[in-house]
Amino acid sequence: MKYQLISSGRLLAGSEEKESIAQIQRITKLSETQVWKSLLNDKPKKLLSSYDKEKIKKASLALRKAGLEVKVRQVPSVERGGGPGDIAPNKEKSNRGKERIDMLPYSITPPEKRSHSGCYLAALLLFLIVLLYPTHL
């Protein structure tokens, strides 16, 4: 089960605005302007997402103590069906045991496409040598 920490975009009722903002800044490492623009704009915002329930609970308690109105939401884990990259697209078996091509060792997976910047640099140097080479020898 995945957990999400959602901010409502408001401070808790009865919390001291300046104190709350200062504490939220210490927790989130955001500037006061960023706190106002991203966390206190009356719009819900996902702050944290994790499979670790304790991590979410700890962050939730800290932000509530600071005065930010937050809630924890459970998001069910969705298992994908056989998609691109699956080696064994047998839909009768569980997806957990399937290997994905991008998870195989380098010796098995095809190498990524490389940039041709080295070729362009070599061509540019060759062009400059030809251009600057004295032709009156």
C-alpha atoms as a PDB file:
ATOM      1  CA  MET A   1       0.000   0.000   0.000  1.00  0.00           C
ATOM      2  CA  LYS A   2       1.333   3.438  -0.918  1.00  0.00           C
ATOM      3  CA  TYR A   3       0.732   6.458   1.285  1.00  0.00           C
ATOM      4  CA  GLN A   4       0.560  10.111   0.305  1.00  0.00           C
ATOM      5  CA  LEU A   5       0.823  13.188   2.493  1.00  0.00           C
ATOM      6  CA  ILE A   6      -1.495  15.890   1.148  1.00  0.00           C
ATOM      7  CA  SER A   7      -1.526  19.535   2.225  1.00  0.00           C
ATOM      8  CA  SER A   8      -4.884  21.311   2.148  1.00  0.00           C
ATOM      9  CA  GLY A   9      -3.200  24.637   1.429  1.00  0.00           C
ATOM     10  CA  ARG A  10      -4.234  26.174   4.763  1.00  0.00           C
ATOM     11  CA  LEU A  11      -2.968  26.540   8.309  1.00  0.00           C
ATOM     12  CA  LEU A  12      -4.784  24.761  11.117  1.00  0.00           C
ATOM     13  CA  ALA A  13      -7.399  26.822  12.930  1.00  0.00           C
ATOM     14  CA  GLY A  14      -5.916  28.560  15.962  1.00  0.00           C
ATOM     15  CA  SER A  15      -2.297  28.316  14.871  1.00  0.00           C
ATOM     16  CA  GLU A  16      -0.061  31.381  15.041  1.00  0.00           C
ATOM     17  CA  GLU A  17       0.726  32.382  11.443  1.00  0.00           C
ATOM     18  CA  LYS A  18       4.307  33.631  11.861  1.00  0.00           C
ATOM     19  CA  GLU A  19       5.331  30.772  14.166  1.00  0.00           C
ATOM     20  CA  SER A  20       3.744  28.195  11.876  1.00  0.00           C
ATOM     21  CA  ILE A  21       5.445  29.554   8.779  1.00  0.00           C
ATOM     22  CA  ALA A  22       8.819  29.597  10.545  1.00  0.00           C
ATOM     23  CA  GLN A  23       8.388  25.976  11.659  1.00  0.00           C
ATOM     24  CA  ILE A  24       7.215  24.889   8.198  1.00  0.00           C
ATOM     25  CA  GLN A  25      10.283  26.593   6.727  1.00  0.00           C
ATOM     26  CA  ARG A  26      12.559  24.639   9.090  1.00  0.00           C
ATOM     27  CA  ILE A  27      10.883  21.349   8.152  1.00  0.00           C
ATOM     28  CA  THR A  28      10.625  21.862   4.388  1.00  0.00           C
ATOM     29  CA  LYS A  29      13.752  24.015   3.850  1.00  0.00           C
ATOM     30  CA  LEU A  30      11.638  26.424   1.754  1.00  0.00           C
ATOM     31  CA  SER A  31      11.772  30.209   1.890  1.00  0.00           C
ATOM     32  CA  GLU A  32       8.818  32.130   3.296  1.00  0.00           C
ATOM     33  CA  THR A  33       7.742  33.140  -0.212  1.00  0.00           C
ATOM     34  CA  GLN A  34       7.883  29.537  -1.393  1.00  0.00           C
ATOM     35  CA  VAL A  35       5.838  28.390   1.614  1.00  0.00           C
ATOM     36  CA  TRP A  36       3.144  30.929   0.758  1.00  0.00           C
ATOM     37  CA  LYS A  37       3.148  30.146  -2.972  1.00  0.00           C
ATOM     38  CA  SER A  38       3.268  26.367  -2.800  1.00  0.00           C
ATOM     39  CA  LEU A  39       1.830  25.309   0.560  1.00  0.00           C
ATOM     40  CA  LEU A  40      -0.498  28.083   1.709  1.00  0.00           C
ATOM     41  CA  ASN A  41      -2.399  28.878  -1.481  1.00  0.00           C
ATOM     42  CA  ASP A  42      -5.716  27.162  -0.573  1.00  0.00           C
ATOM     43  CA  LYS A  43      -5.020  24.396  -3.094  1.00  0.00           C
ATOM     44  CA  PRO A  44      -4.385  20.748  -2.170  1.00  0.00           C
ATOM     45  CA  LYS A  45      -0.839  19.602  -2.907  1.00  0.00           C
ATOM     46  CA  LYS A  46       0.898  16.239  -2.591  1.00  0.00           C
ATOM     47  CA  LEU A  47       3.897  16.746  -0.337  1.00  0.00           C
ATOM     48  CA  LEU A  48       5.247  13.232   0.069  1.00  0.00           C
ATOM     49  CA  SER A  49       4.572   9.784  -1.307  1.00  0.00           C
ATOM     50  CA  SER A  50       6.012   6.580   0.120  1.00  0.00           C
ATOM     51  CA  TYR A  51       5.389   2.924   0.861  1.00  0.00           C
ATOM     52  CA  ASP A  52       6.807   3.540   4.348  1.00  0.00           C
ATOM     53  CA  LYS A  53       3.822   4.286   6.582  1.00  0.00           C
ATOM     54  CA  GLU A  54       6.002   5.408   9.485  1.00  0.00           C
ATOM     55  CA  LYS A  55       7.836   7.952   7.331  1.00  0.00           C
ATOM     56  CA  ILE A  56       4.531   9.492   6.216  1.00  0.00           C
ATOM     57  CA  LYS A  57       3.159   9.446   9.769  1.00  0.00           C
ATOM     58  CA  LYS A  58       6.276  11.164  11.122  1.00  0.00           C
ATOM     59  CA  ALA A  59       6.162  13.905   8.453  1.00  0.00           C
ATOM     60  CA  SER A  60       2.432  14.356   9.017  1.00  0.00           C
ATOM     61  CA  LEU A  61       2.843  14.810  12.764  1.00  0.00           C
ATOM     62  CA  ALA A  62       5.699  17.283  12.312  1.00  0.00           C
ATOM     63  CA  LEU A  63       3.756  19.414   9.824  1.00  0.00           C
ATOM     64  CA  ARG A  64       0.575  19.335  11.924  1.00  0.00           C
ATOM     65  CA  LYS A  65       2.576  20.356  14.966  1.00  0.00           C
ATOM     66  CA  ALA A  66       3.951  23.233  12.887  1.00  0.00           C
ATOM     67  CA  GLY A  67       0.379  24.262  12.058  1.00  0.00           C
ATOM     68  CA  LEU A  68      -0.100  23.045   8.484  1.00  0.00           C
ATOM     69  CA  GLU A  69      -3.364  21.272   7.713  1.00  0.00           C
ATOM     70  CA  VAL A  70      -2.416  17.918   6.159  1.00  0.00           C
ATOM     71  CA  LYS A  71      -4.003  14.513   5.643  1.00  0.00           C
ATOM     72  CA  VAL A  72      -2.678  11.059   4.840  1.00  0.00           C
ATOM     73  CA  ARG A  73      -4.219   9.189   1.937  1.00  0.00           C
ATOM     74  CA  GLN A  74      -3.787   5.507   1.124  1.00  0.00           C
ATOM     75  CA  VAL A  75      -3.316   4.687  -2.535  1.00  0.00           C
ATOM     76  CA  PRO A  76      -3.763   1.050  -3.507  1.00  0.00           C
ATOM     77  CA  SER A  77      -0.858  -0.449  -5.409  1.00  0.00           C
ATOM     78  CA  VAL A  78      -1.876  -1.075  -9.001  1.00  0.00           C
ATOM     79  CA  GLU A  79      -0.334  -4.073 -10.722  1.00  0.00           C
ATOM     80  CA  ARG A  80       0.278  -3.508 -14.380  1.00  0.00           C
ATOM     81  CA  GLY A  81      -0.664  -6.009 -16.993  1.00  0.00           C
ATOM     82  CA  GLY A  82       1.839  -7.219 -19.556  1.00  0.00           C
ATOM     83  CA  GLY A  83       3.276  -4.095 -21.047  1.00  0.00           C
ATOM     84  CA  PRO A  84       6.171  -3.282 -23.315  1.00  0.00           C
ATOM     85  CA  GLY A  85       9.412  -4.659 -21.980  1.00  0.00           C
ATOM     86  CA  ASP A  86       7.928  -7.715 -20.271  1.00  0.00           C
ATOM     87  CA  ILE A  87       9.724 -10.926 -21.172  1.00  0.00           C
ATOM     88  CA  ALA A  88       6.930 -13.275 -20.190  1.00  0.00           C
ATOM     89  CA  PRO A  89       3.609 -11.648 -21.154  1.00  0.00           C
ATOM     90  CA  ASN A  90       1.584 -14.571 -19.775  1.00  0.00           C
ATOM     91  CA  LYS A  91      -1.333 -12.820 -18.074  1.00  0.00           C
ATOM     92  CA  GLU A  92      -2.305 -15.851 -16.007  1.00  0.00           C
ATOM     93  CA  LYS A  93       0.786 -15.581 -13.807  1.00  0.00           C
ATOM     94  CA  SER A  94       1.502 -12.794 -11.339  1.00  0.00           C
ATOM     95  CA  ASN A  95       3.371  -9.761 -12.626  1.00  0.00           C
ATOM     96  CA  ARG A  96       5.714  -9.821  -9.639  1.00  0.00           C
ATOM     97  CA  GLY A  97       7.860 -12.641 -11.019  1.00  0.00           C
ATOM     98  CA  LYS A  98       8.295 -11.121 -14.460  1.00  0.00           C
ATOM     99  CA  GLU A  99      11.591  -9.680 -15.506  1.00  0.00           C
ATOM    100  CA  ARG A 100      11.693  -6.443 -17.398  1.00  0.00           C
ATOM    101  CA  ILE A 101      14.193  -5.864 -20.165  1.00  0.00           C
ATOM    102  CA  ASP A 102      15.357  -2.623 -18.578  1.00  0.00           C
ATOM    103  CA  MET A 103      16.139  -4.507 -15.354  1.00  0.00           C
ATOM    104  CA  LEU A 104      18.432  -7.099 -16.973  1.00  0.00           C
ATOM    105  CA  PRO A 105      22.238  -6.805 -16.690  1.00  0.00           C
ATOM    106  CA  TYR A 106      24.055  -4.662 -19.261  1.00  0.00           C
ATOM    107  CA  SER A 107      25.460  -7.690 -21.067  1.00  0.00           C
ATOM    108  CA  ILE A 108      21.913  -8.740 -22.009  1.00  0.00           C
ATOM    109  CA  THR A 109      20.201  -5.395 -22.592  1.00  0.00           C
ATOM    110  CA  PRO A 110      20.963  -3.416 -25.706  1.00  0.00           C
ATOM    111  CA  PRO A 111      23.200  -0.391 -25.108  1.00  0.00           C
ATOM    112  CA  GLU A 112      21.573   3.019 -25.060  1.00  0.00           C
ATOM    113  CA  LYS A 113      21.898   5.202 -28.119  1.00  0.00           C
ATOM    114  CA  ARG A 114      24.871   7.495 -27.801  1.00  0.00           C
ATOM    115  CA  SER A 115      25.242  11.059 -28.843  1.00  0.00           C
ATOM    116  CA  HIS A 116      27.296  11.770 -31.939  1.00  0.00           C
ATOM    117  CA  SER A 117      28.916  14.874 -30.463  1.00  0.00           C
ATOM    118  CA  GLY A 118      32.371  13.252 -30.701  1.00  0.00           C
ATOM    119  CA  CYS A 119      31.937  12.782 -34.444  1.00  0.00           C
ATOM    120  CA  TYR A 120      30.833  16.393 -34.850  1.00  0.00           C
ATOM    121  CA  LEU A 121      33.811  17.622 -32.857  1.00  0.00           C
ATOM    122  CA  ALA A 122      36.222  15.558 -34.974  1.00  0.00           C
ATOM    123  CA  ALA A 123      34.641  16.881 -38.184  1.00  0.00           C
ATOM    124  CA  LEU A 124      34.886  20.472 -36.920  1.00  0.00           C
ATOM    125  CA  LEU A 125      38.577  20.031 -36.038  1.00  0.00           C
ATOM    126  CA  LEU A 126      39.294  18.488 -39.437  1.00  0.00           C
ATOM    127  CA  PHE A 127      37.500  21.402 -41.135  1.00  0.00           C
ATOM    128  CA  LEU A 128      39.536  23.938 -39.159  1.00  0.00           C
ATOM    129  CA  ILE A 129      42.806  22.176 -39.993  1.00  0.00           C
ATOM    130  CA  VAL A 130      41.963  22.171 -43.698  1.00  0.00           C
ATOM    131  CA  LEU A 131      40.835  25.785 -43.562  1.00  0.00           C
ATOM    132  CA  LEU A 132      43.890  27.039 -41.683  1.00  0.00           C
ATOM    133  CA  TYR A 133      46.507  24.820 -43.365  1.00  0.00           C
ATOM    134  CA  PRO A 134      48.708  26.912 -45.640  1.00  0.00           C
ATOM    135  CA  THR A 135      48.219  25.852 -49.268  1.00  0.00           C
ATOM    136  CA  HIS A 136      51.294  27.624 -50.668  1.00  0.00           C
ATOM    137  CA  LEU A 137      53.937  25.036 -49.641  1.00  0.00           C
END
